[in-house]
Amino acid sequence: MNTLIAVSIAPFGVGDKLSEYVAQVVKVIEASGLPSRTTSMFTEIEGEWDEVMQVVKDATFVLAEKGIRTNVTLKADIRPGYTNRMKGKIEKLDSILGGKRG
């Protein structure tokens, strides 16, 4: 079943250089081959439920297996019969707003 998630996977107790750890997480997500998009606060991932959840697990454990306390915030949109929602939702919004936003 198609699933679109927004996930934030962040380390705790590692000082101020969080972006180095976040980059490790994003590498795992991008290597999955699933459609994804990273913004300043979350990464969106789209695919079948089991595939998406495996990517979340793998991306989380890249930090946790190093002994790093890791916080995961996840929001999921499961919509049977639909695909390409990550791009489609933005295209629909842009059409309502009269074009691409900056």
PDB file of N, CA and C in Angstrom:
ATOM      1  N   MET A   1       0.844  -1.173   0.000  1.00  0.00           N
ATOM      2  CA  MET A   1       0.000   0.000   0.000  1.00  0.00           C
ATOM      3  C   MET A   1       0.889   1.236   0.000  1.00  0.00           C
ATOM      4  N   ASN A   2       0.618   2.161  -0.901  1.00  0.00           N
ATOM      5  CA  ASN A   2       1.441   3.349  -1.026  1.00  0.00           C
ATOM      6  C   ASN A   2       1.414   4.167   0.259  1.00  0.00           C
ATOM      7  N   THR A   3       2.605   4.580   0.689  1.00  0.00           N
ATOM      8  CA  THR A   3       2.768   5.340   1.918  1.00  0.00           C
ATOM      9  C   THR A   3       3.696   6.508   1.654  1.00  0.00           C
ATOM     10  N   LEU A   4       3.294   7.666   2.100  1.00  0.00           N
ATOM     11  CA  LEU A   4       4.129   8.859   2.058  1.00  0.00           C
ATOM     12  C   LEU A   4       4.395   9.255   3.497  1.00  0.00           C
ATOM     13  N   ILE A   5       5.674   9.344   3.869  1.00  0.00           N
ATOM     14  CA  ILE A   5       5.986   9.734   5.239  1.00  0.00           C
ATOM     15  C   ILE A   5       6.871  10.973   5.252  1.00  0.00           C
ATOM     16  N   ALA A   6       6.780  11.682   6.345  1.00  0.00           N
ATOM     17  CA  ALA A   6       7.726  12.744   6.677  1.00  0.00           C
ATOM     18  C   ALA A   6       8.410  12.273   7.952  1.00  0.00           C
ATOM     19  N   VAL A   7       9.726  12.185   7.913  1.00  0.00           N
ATOM     20  CA  VAL A   7      10.459  11.670   9.062  1.00  0.00           C
ATOM     21  C   VAL A   7      11.627  12.585   9.398  1.00  0.00           C
ATOM     22  N   SER A   8      11.846  12.741  10.684  1.00  0.00           N
ATOM     23  CA  SER A   8      13.013  13.448  11.188  1.00  0.00           C
ATOM     24  C   SER A   8      13.743  12.464  12.093  1.00  0.00           C
ATOM     25  N   ILE A   9      14.997  12.195  11.775  1.00  0.00           N
ATOM     26  CA  ILE A   9      15.827  11.285  12.573  1.00  0.00           C
ATOM     27  C   ILE A   9      17.018  12.103  13.050  1.00  0.00           C
ATOM     28  N   ALA A  10      17.095  12.327  14.348  1.00  0.00           N
ATOM     29  CA  ALA A  10      18.094  13.252  14.883  1.00  0.00           C
ATOM     30  C   ALA A  10      18.821  12.651  16.081  1.00  0.00           C
ATOM     31  N   PRO A  11      20.132  12.891  16.154  1.00  0.00           N
ATOM     32  CA  PRO A  11      20.912  12.416  17.295  1.00  0.00           C
ATOM     33  C   PRO A  11      20.780  13.355  18.493  1.00  0.00           C
ATOM     34  N   PHE A  12      21.008  12.803  19.677  1.00  0.00           N
ATOM     35  CA  PHE A  12      21.049  13.589  20.907  1.00  0.00           C
ATOM     36  C   PHE A  12      22.385  13.369  21.600  1.00  0.00           C
ATOM     37  N   GLY A  13      22.878  14.409  22.235  1.00  0.00           N
ATOM     38  CA  GLY A  13      24.078  14.281  23.043  1.00  0.00           C
ATOM     39  C   GLY A  13      25.373  14.173  22.260  1.00  0.00           C
ATOM     40  N   VAL A  14      25.388  14.732  21.041  1.00  0.00           N
ATOM     41  CA  VAL A  14      26.599  14.636  20.216  1.00  0.00           C
ATOM     42  C   VAL A  14      27.227  16.003  19.958  1.00  0.00           C
ATOM     43  N   GLY A  15      26.792  17.011  20.663  1.00  0.00           N
ATOM     44  CA  GLY A  15      27.347  18.344  20.474  1.00  0.00           C
ATOM     45  C   GLY A  15      26.586  19.136  19.433  1.00  0.00           C
ATOM     46  N   ASP A  16      27.284  20.097  18.832  1.00  0.00           N
ATOM     47  CA  ASP A  16      26.659  21.042  17.912  1.00  0.00           C
ATOM     48  C   ASP A  16      26.725  20.638  16.443  1.00  0.00           C
ATOM     49  N   LYS A  17      27.426  19.612  16.101  1.00  0.00           N
ATOM     50  CA  LYS A  17      27.631  19.244  14.701  1.00  0.00           C
ATOM     51  C   LYS A  17      26.609  18.189  14.257  1.00  0.00           C
ATOM     52  N   LEU A  18      25.356  18.524  14.408  1.00  0.00           N
ATOM     53  CA  LEU A  18      24.295  17.582  14.067  1.00  0.00           C
ATOM     54  C   LEU A  18      24.255  17.256  12.581  1.00  0.00           C
ATOM     55  N   SER A  19      24.611  18.218  11.742  1.00  0.00           N
ATOM     56  CA  SER A  19      24.492  18.001  10.294  1.00  0.00           C
ATOM     57  C   SER A  19      25.355  16.838   9.816  1.00  0.00           C
ATOM     58  N   GLU A  20      26.480  16.579  10.470  1.00  0.00           N
ATOM     59  CA  GLU A  20      27.321  15.445  10.097  1.00  0.00           C
ATOM     60  C   GLU A  20      26.587  14.123  10.325  1.00  0.00           C
ATOM     61  N   TYR A  21      25.832  14.039  11.398  1.00  0.00           N
ATOM     62  CA  TYR A  21      25.066  12.834  11.696  1.00  0.00           C
ATOM     63  C   TYR A  21      23.828  12.730  10.816  1.00  0.00           C
ATOM     64  N   VAL A  22      23.179  13.852  10.602  1.00  0.00           N
ATOM     65  CA  VAL A  22      22.004  13.864   9.729  1.00  0.00           C
ATOM     66  C   VAL A  22      22.399  13.440   8.320  1.00  0.00           C
ATOM     67  N   ALA A  23      23.574  13.841   7.865  1.00  0.00           N
ATOM     68  CA  ALA A  23      24.051  13.444   6.541  1.00  0.00           C
ATOM     69  C   ALA A  23      24.182  11.923   6.432  1.00  0.00           C
ATOM     70  N   GLN A  24      24.604  11.272   7.507  1.00  0.00           N
ATOM     71  CA  GLN A  24      24.695   9.808   7.507  1.00  0.00           C
ATOM     72  C   GLN A  24      23.316   9.178   7.334  1.00  0.00           C
ATOM     73  N   VAL A  25      22.335   9.765   7.989  1.00  0.00           N
ATOM     74  CA  VAL A  25      20.952   9.285   7.889  1.00  0.00           C
ATOM     75  C   VAL A  25      20.436   9.474   6.461  1.00  0.00           C
ATOM     76  N   VAL A  26      20.644  10.644   5.901  1.00  0.00           N
ATOM     77  CA  VAL A  26      20.154  10.954   4.554  1.00  0.00           C
ATOM     78  C   VAL A  26      20.816  10.035   3.512  1.00  0.00           C
ATOM     79  N   LYS A  27      22.075   9.711   3.695  1.00  0.00           N
ATOM     80  CA  LYS A  27      22.757   8.792   2.769  1.00  0.00           C
ATOM     81  C   LYS A  27      22.052   7.442   2.725  1.00  0.00           C
ATOM     82  N   VAL A  28      21.648   6.939   3.872  1.00  0.00           N
ATOM     83  CA  VAL A  28      20.935   5.657   3.931  1.00  0.00           C
ATOM     84  C   VAL A  28      19.601   5.767   3.203  1.00  0.00           C
ATOM     85  N   ILE A  29      18.892   6.854   3.432  1.00  0.00           N
ATOM     86  CA  ILE A  29      17.589   7.052   2.789  1.00  0.00           C
ATOM     87  C   ILE A  29      17.758   7.132   1.275  1.00  0.00           C
ATOM     88  N   GLU A  30      18.706   7.917   0.808  1.00  0.00           N
ATOM     89  CA  GLU A  30      18.911   8.067  -0.633  1.00  0.00           C
ATOM     90  C   GLU A  30      19.380   6.765  -1.278  1.00  0.00           C
ATOM     91  N   ALA A  31      20.166   5.981  -0.566  1.00  0.00           N
ATOM     92  CA  ALA A  31      20.654   4.705  -1.097  1.00  0.00           C
ATOM     93  C   ALA A  31      19.529   3.673  -1.250  1.00  0.00           C
ATOM     94  N   SER A  32      18.406   3.909  -0.597  1.00  0.00           N
ATOM     95  CA  SER A  32      17.286   2.959  -0.675  1.00  0.00           C
ATOM     96  C   SER A  32      16.683   2.890  -2.067  1.00  0.00           C
ATOM     97  N   GLY A  33      16.833   3.966  -2.834  1.00  0.00           N
ATOM     98  CA  GLY A  33      16.235   4.019  -4.161  1.00  0.00           C
ATOM     99  C   GLY A  33      14.784   4.461  -4.166  1.00  0.00           C
ATOM    100  N   LEU A  34      14.185   4.641  -2.994  1.00  0.00           N
ATOM    101  CA  LEU A  34      12.808   5.128  -2.939  1.00  0.00           C
ATOM    102  C   LEU A  34      12.806   6.634  -3.200  1.00  0.00           C
ATOM    103  N   PRO A  35      11.722   7.151  -3.767  1.00  0.00           N
ATOM    104  CA  PRO A  35      11.629   8.602  -3.940  1.00  0.00           C
ATOM    105  C   PRO A  35      11.724   9.291  -2.578  1.00  0.00           C
ATOM    106  N   SER A  36      12.573  10.302  -2.496  1.00  0.00           N
ATOM    107  CA  SER A  36      12.719  11.036  -1.234  1.00  0.00           C
ATOM    108  C   SER A  36      13.099  12.475  -1.523  1.00  0.00           C
ATOM    109  N   ARG A  37      12.835  13.312  -0.525  1.00  0.00           N
ATOM    110  CA  ARG A  37      13.171  14.742  -0.626  1.00  0.00           C
ATOM    111  C   ARG A  37      13.464  15.230   0.789  1.00  0.00           C
ATOM    112  N   THR A  38      14.631  15.813   0.965  1.00  0.00           N
ATOM    113  CA  THR A  38      15.030  16.322   2.274  1.00  0.00           C
ATOM    114  C   THR A  38      14.899  17.836   2.297  1.00  0.00           C
ATOM    115  N   THR A  39      14.264  18.335   3.351  1.00  0.00           N
ATOM    116  CA  THR A  39      14.149  19.773   3.577  1.00  0.00           C
ATOM    117  C   THR A  39      14.882  20.099   4.882  1.00  0.00           C
ATOM    118  N   SER A  40      14.767  21.316   5.331  1.00  0.00           N
ATOM    119  CA  SER A  40      15.494  21.729   6.527  1.00  0.00           C
ATOM    120  C   SER A  40      15.017  21.037   7.803  1.00  0.00           C
ATOM    121  N   MET A  41      13.798  20.509   7.795  1.00  0.00           N
ATOM    122  CA  MET A  41      13.251  19.908   9.015  1.00  0.00           C
ATOM    123  C   MET A  41      12.936  18.418   8.909  1.00  0.00           C
ATOM    124  N   PHE A  42      12.561  17.946   7.730  1.00  0.00           N
ATOM    125  CA  PHE A  42      12.124  16.563   7.559  1.00  0.00           C
ATOM    126  C   PHE A  42      12.634  16.005   6.239  1.00  0.00           C
ATOM    127  N   THR A  43      12.579  14.690   6.127  1.00  0.00           N
ATOM    128  CA  THR A  43      12.775  14.015   4.855  1.00  0.00           C
ATOM    129  C   THR A  43      11.492  13.274   4.536  1.00  0.00           C
ATOM    130  N   GLU A  44      11.000  13.465   3.328  1.00  0.00           N
ATOM    131  CA  GLU A  44       9.834  12.724   2.850  1.00  0.00           C
ATOM    132  C   GLU A  44      10.320  11.503   2.094  1.00  0.00           C
ATOM    133  N   ILE A  45       9.633  10.385   2.289  1.00  0.00           N
ATOM    134  CA  ILE A  45       9.943   9.139   1.591  1.00  0.00           C
ATOM    135  C   ILE A  45       8.625   8.548   1.136  1.00  0.00           C
ATOM    136  N   GLU A  46       8.583   8.041  -0.105  1.00  0.00           N
ATOM    137  CA  GLU A  46       7.356   7.442  -0.628  1.00  0.00           C
ATOM    138  C   GLU A  46       7.636   6.044  -1.174  1.00  0.00           C
ATOM    139  N   GLY A  47       6.713   5.141  -0.897  1.00  0.00           N
ATOM    140  CA  GLY A  47       6.816   3.773  -1.400  1.00  0.00           C
ATOM    141  C   GLY A  47       5.828   2.873  -0.689  1.00  0.00           C
ATOM    142  N   GLU A  48       6.002   1.586  -0.854  1.00  0.00           N
ATOM    143  CA  GLU A  48       5.156   0.631  -0.148  1.00  0.00           C
ATOM    144  C   GLU A  48       5.487   0.662   1.345  1.00  0.00           C
ATOM    145  N   TRP A  49       4.484   0.434   2.178  1.00  0.00           N
ATOM    146  CA  TRP A  49       4.609   0.546   3.637  1.00  0.00           C
ATOM    147  C   TRP A  49       5.849  -0.175   4.162  1.00  0.00           C
ATOM    148  N   ASP A  50       5.992  -1.458   3.839  1.00  0.00           N
ATOM    149  CA  ASP A  50       7.108  -2.235   4.382  1.00  0.00           C
ATOM    150  C   ASP A  50       8.457  -1.687   3.929  1.00  0.00           C
ATOM    151  N   GLU A  51       8.544  -1.247   2.691  1.00  0.00           N
ATOM    152  CA  GLU A  51       9.800  -0.695   2.178  1.00  0.00           C
ATOM    153  C   GLU A  51      10.152   0.612   2.890  1.00  0.00           C
ATOM    154  N   VAL A  52       9.162   1.476   3.042  1.00  0.00           N
ATOM    155  CA  VAL A  52       9.386   2.768   3.698  1.00  0.00           C
ATOM    156  C   VAL A  52       9.793   2.563   5.155  1.00  0.00           C
ATOM    157  N   MET A  53       9.106   1.669   5.850  1.00  0.00           N
ATOM    158  CA  MET A  53       9.426   1.433   7.255  1.00  0.00           C
ATOM    159  C   MET A  53      10.803   0.796   7.420  1.00  0.00           C
ATOM    160  N   GLN A  54      11.224  -0.035   6.466  1.00  0.00           N
ATOM    161  CA  GLN A  54      12.568  -0.604   6.523  1.00  0.00           C
ATOM    162  C   GLN A  54      13.621   0.483   6.363  1.00  0.00           C
ATOM    163  N   VAL A  55      13.370   1.433   5.473  1.00  0.00           N
ATOM    164  CA  VAL A  55      14.302   2.543   5.287  1.00  0.00           C
ATOM    165  C   VAL A  55      14.390   3.381   6.560  1.00  0.00           C
ATOM    166  N   VAL A  56      13.254   3.648   7.197  1.00  0.00           N
ATOM    167  CA  VAL A  56      13.262   4.398   8.459  1.00  0.00           C
ATOM    168  C   VAL A  56      14.089   3.646   9.507  1.00  0.00           C
ATOM    169  N   LYS A  57      13.883   2.348   9.595  1.00  0.00           N
ATOM    170  CA  LYS A  57      14.642   1.534  10.559  1.00  0.00           C
ATOM    171  C   LYS A  57      16.134   1.596  10.247  1.00  0.00           C
ATOM    172  N   ASP A  58      16.503   1.361   8.994  1.00  0.00           N
ATOM    173  CA  ASP A  58      17.915   1.368   8.609  1.00  0.00           C
ATOM    174  C   ASP A  58      18.559   2.733   8.872  1.00  0.00           C
ATOM    175  N   ALA A  59      17.841   3.801   8.544  1.00  0.00           N
ATOM    176  CA  ALA A  59      18.371   5.150   8.738  1.00  0.00           C
ATOM    177  C   ALA A  59      18.510   5.477  10.224  1.00  0.00           C
ATOM    178  N   THR A  60      17.587   5.003  11.033  1.00  0.00           N
ATOM    179  CA  THR A  60      17.655   5.215  12.478  1.00  0.00           C
ATOM    180  C   THR A  60      18.823   4.453  13.082  1.00  0.00           C
ATOM    181  N   PHE A  61      18.979   3.214  12.660  1.00  0.00           N
ATOM    182  CA  PHE A  61      20.008   2.364  13.264  1.00  0.00           C
ATOM    183  C   PHE A  61      21.416   2.747  12.846  1.00  0.00           C
ATOM    184  N   VAL A  62      21.573   3.525  11.764  1.00  0.00           N
ATOM    185  CA  VAL A  62      22.919   3.972  11.399  1.00  0.00           C
ATOM    186  C   VAL A  62      23.513   4.805  12.539  1.00  0.00           C
ATOM    187  N   LEU A  63      22.671   5.487  13.281  1.00  0.00           N
ATOM    188  CA  LEU A  63      23.130   6.243  14.450  1.00  0.00           C
ATOM    189  C   LEU A  63      23.067   5.397  15.722  1.00  0.00           C
ATOM    190  N   ALA A  64      21.943   4.739  15.941  1.00  0.00           N
ATOM    191  CA  ALA A  64      21.730   3.986  17.177  1.00  0.00           C
ATOM    192  C   ALA A  64      22.760   2.876  17.357  1.00  0.00           C
ATOM    193  N   GLU A  65      23.173   2.247  16.253  1.00  0.00           N
ATOM    194  CA  GLU A  65      24.176   1.182  16.357  1.00  0.00           C
ATOM    195  C   GLU A  65      25.554   1.711  16.744  1.00  0.00           C
ATOM    196  N   LYS A  66      25.744   3.014  16.679  1.00  0.00           N
ATOM    197  CA  LYS A  66      26.988   3.649  17.125  1.00  0.00           C
ATOM    198  C   LYS A  66      26.872   4.092  18.584  1.00  0.00           C
ATOM    199  N   GLY A  67      25.763   3.738  19.228  1.00  0.00           N
ATOM    200  CA  GLY A  67      25.551   4.108  20.619  1.00  0.00           C
ATOM    201  C   GLY A  67      25.005   5.508  20.795  1.00  0.00           C
ATOM    202  N   ILE A  68      24.504   6.097  19.713  1.00  0.00           N
ATOM    203  CA  ILE A  68      23.986   7.465  19.766  1.00  0.00           C
ATOM    204  C   ILE A  68      22.493   7.429  20.072  1.00  0.00           C
ATOM    205  N   ARG A  69      22.093   8.157  21.095  1.00  0.00           N
ATOM    206  CA  ARG A  69      20.662   8.288  21.377  1.00  0.00           C
ATOM    207  C   ARG A  69      20.012   8.982  20.188  1.00  0.00           C
ATOM    208  N   THR A  70      18.920   8.406  19.686  1.00  0.00           N
ATOM    209  CA  THR A  70      18.326   8.872  18.437  1.00  0.00           C
ATOM    210  C   THR A  70      16.832   9.103  18.603  1.00  0.00           C
ATOM    211  N   ASN A  71      16.371  10.270  18.158  1.00  0.00           N
ATOM    212  CA  ASN A  71      14.957  10.620  18.211  1.00  0.00           C
ATOM    213  C   ASN A  71      14.379  10.521  16.815  1.00  0.00           C
ATOM    214  N   VAL A  72      13.217   9.858  16.703  1.00  0.00           N
ATOM    215  CA  VAL A  72      12.535   9.726  15.424  1.00  0.00           C
ATOM    216  C   VAL A  72      11.140  10.331  15.546  1.00  0.00           C
ATOM    217  N   THR A  73      10.839  11.285  14.663  1.00  0.00           N
ATOM    218  CA  THR A  73       9.504  11.857  14.549  1.00  0.00           C
ATOM    219  C   THR A  73       8.995  11.482  13.170  1.00  0.00           C
ATOM    220  N   LEU A  74       7.801  10.864  13.115  1.00  0.00           N
ATOM    221  CA  LEU A  74       7.295  10.351  11.852  1.00  0.00           C
ATOM    222  C   LEU A  74       5.814  10.675  11.685  1.00  0.00           C
ATOM    223  N   LYS A  75       5.467  11.099  10.494  1.00  0.00           N
ATOM    224  CA  LYS A  75       4.079  11.340  10.118  1.00  0.00           C
ATOM    225  C   LYS A  75       3.840  10.554   8.841  1.00  0.00           C
ATOM    226  N   ALA A  76       2.736   9.813   8.766  1.00  0.00           N
ATOM    227  CA  ALA A  76       2.473   8.959   7.606  1.00  0.00           C
ATOM    228  C   ALA A  76       1.118   9.264   6.984  1.00  0.00           C
ATOM    229  N   ASP A  77       1.082   9.215   5.649  1.00  0.00           N
ATOM    230  CA  ASP A  77      -0.140   9.377   4.868  1.00  0.00           C
ATOM    231  C   ASP A  77      -0.288   8.121   4.005  1.00  0.00           C
ATOM    232  N   ILE A  78      -1.219   7.260   4.360  1.00  0.00           N
ATOM    233  CA  ILE A  78      -1.466   6.030   3.620  1.00  0.00           C
ATOM    234  C   ILE A  78      -2.730   6.241   2.807  1.00  0.00           C
ATOM    235  N   ARG A  79      -2.581   6.180   1.475  1.00  0.00           N
ATOM    236  CA  ARG A  79      -3.729   6.456   0.612  1.00  0.00           C
ATOM    237  C   ARG A  79      -3.818   5.377  -0.467  1.00  0.00           C
ATOM    238  N   PRO A  80      -4.654   4.367  -0.225  1.00  0.00           N
ATOM    239  CA  PRO A  80      -4.782   3.265  -1.183  1.00  0.00           C
ATOM    240  C   PRO A  80      -5.175   3.763  -2.572  1.00  0.00           C
ATOM    241  N   GLY A  81      -4.536   3.176  -3.580  1.00  0.00           N
ATOM    242  CA  GLY A  81      -4.888   3.498  -4.958  1.00  0.00           C
ATOM    243  C   GLY A  81      -4.175   4.702  -5.538  1.00  0.00           C
ATOM    244  N   TYR A  82      -3.330   5.353  -4.769  1.00  0.00           N
ATOM    245  CA  TYR A  82      -2.626   6.541  -5.244  1.00  0.00           C
ATOM    246  C   TYR A  82      -1.121   6.300  -5.203  1.00  0.00           C
ATOM    247  N   THR A  83      -0.412   6.897  -6.135  1.00  0.00           N
ATOM    248  CA  THR A  83       1.044   6.872  -6.149  1.00  0.00           C
ATOM    249  C   THR A  83       1.543   8.271  -6.481  1.00  0.00           C
ATOM    250  N   ASN A  84       2.835   8.460  -6.354  1.00  0.00           N
ATOM    251  CA  ASN A  84       3.476   9.733  -6.690  1.00  0.00           C
ATOM    252  C   ASN A  84       2.846  10.917  -5.949  1.00  0.00           C
ATOM    253  N   ARG A  85       2.479  10.701  -4.706  1.00  0.00           N
ATOM    254  CA  ARG A  85       1.833  11.758  -3.916  1.00  0.00           C
ATOM    255  C   ARG A  85       2.818  12.833  -3.472  1.00  0.00           C
ATOM    256  N   MET A  86       4.073  12.478  -3.312  1.00  0.00           N
ATOM    257  CA  MET A  86       5.060  13.471  -2.886  1.00  0.00           C
ATOM    258  C   MET A  86       5.128  14.609  -3.904  1.00  0.00           C
ATOM    259  N   LYS A  87       5.135  14.267  -5.161  1.00  0.00           N
ATOM    260  CA  LYS A  87       5.170  15.272  -6.221  1.00  0.00           C
ATOM    261  C   LYS A  87       3.763  15.791  -6.524  1.00  0.00           C
ATOM    262  N   GLY A  88       2.780  14.905  -6.560  1.00  0.00           N
ATOM    263  CA  GLY A  88       1.412  15.264  -6.927  1.00  0.00           C
ATOM    264  C   GLY A  88       0.774  16.285  -6.002  1.00  0.00           C
ATOM    265  N   LYS A  89       1.026  16.161  -4.710  1.00  0.00           N
ATOM    266  CA  LYS A  89       0.441  17.115  -3.756  1.00  0.00           C
ATOM    267  C   LYS A  89       0.966  18.533  -4.009  1.00  0.00           C
ATOM    268  N   ILE A  90       2.259  18.644  -4.296  1.00  0.00           N
ATOM    269  CA  ILE A  90       2.845  19.960  -4.562  1.00  0.00           C
ATOM    270  C   ILE A  90       2.336  20.526  -5.879  1.00  0.00           C
ATOM    271  N   GLU A  91       2.231  19.677  -6.906  1.00  0.00           N
ATOM    272  CA  GLU A  91       1.704  20.146  -8.190  1.00  0.00           C
ATOM    273  C   GLU A  91       0.281  20.663  -8.047  1.00  0.00           C
ATOM    274  N   LYS A  92      -0.536  19.978  -7.259  1.00  0.00           N
ATOM    275  CA  LYS A  92      -1.915  20.425  -7.042  1.00  0.00           C
ATOM    276  C   LYS A  92      -1.935  21.775  -6.327  1.00  0.00           C
ATOM    277  N   LEU A  93      -1.118  21.921  -5.321  1.00  0.00           N
ATOM    278  CA  LEU A  93      -1.041  23.187  -4.587  1.00  0.00           C
ATOM    279  C   LEU A  93      -0.568  24.305  -5.503  1.00  0.00           C
ATOM    280  N   ASP A  94       0.468  24.021  -6.308  1.00  0.00           N
ATOM    281  CA  ASP A  94       0.969  25.036  -7.241  1.00  0.00           C
ATOM    282  C   ASP A  94      -0.107  25.469  -8.242  1.00  0.00           C
ATOM    283  N   SER A  95      -0.926  24.514  -8.696  1.00  0.00           N
ATOM    284  CA  SER A  95      -1.980  24.869  -9.670  1.00  0.00           C
ATOM    285  C   SER A  95      -3.027  25.780  -9.020  1.00  0.00           C
ATOM    286  N   ILE A  96      -3.300  25.558  -7.764  1.00  0.00           N
ATOM    287  CA  ILE A  96      -4.254  26.413  -7.047  1.00  0.00           C
ATOM    288  C   ILE A  96      -3.664  27.809  -6.833  1.00  0.00           C
ATOM    289  N   LEU A  97      -2.370  27.858  -6.543  1.00  0.00           N
ATOM    290  CA  LEU A  97      -1.699  29.133  -6.260  1.00  0.00           C
ATOM    291  C   LEU A  97      -1.251  29.847  -7.509  1.00  0.00           C
ATOM    292  N   GLY A  98      -1.422  29.221  -8.658  1.00  0.00           N
ATOM    293  CA  GLY A  98      -1.117  29.888  -9.925  1.00  0.00           C
ATOM    294  C   GLY A  98       0.327  29.767 -10.366  1.00  0.00           C
ATOM    295  N   GLY A  99       1.000  28.725  -9.977  1.00  0.00           N
ATOM    296  CA  GLY A  99       2.365  28.522 -10.463  1.00  0.00           C
ATOM    297  C   GLY A  99       3.297  28.083  -9.364  1.00  0.00           C
ATOM    298  N   LYS A 100       4.506  27.817  -9.754  1.00  0.00           N
ATOM    299  CA  LYS A 100       5.509  27.355  -8.788  1.00  0.00           C
ATOM    300  C   LYS A 100       5.858  28.445  -7.788  1.00  0.00           C
ATOM    301  N   ARG A 101       6.069  27.992  -6.592  1.00  0.00           N
ATOM    302  CA  ARG A 101       6.487  28.901  -5.526  1.00  0.00           C
ATOM    303  C   ARG A 101       7.996  28.899  -5.427  1.00  0.00           C
ATOM    304  N   GLY A 102       8.568  29.904  -4.793  1.00  0.00           N
ATOM    305  CA  GLY A 102      10.008  30.050  -4.650  1.00  0.00           C
ATOM    306  C   GLY A 102      10.661  29.162  -3.726  1.00  0.00           C
TER     307      GLY A 102
END
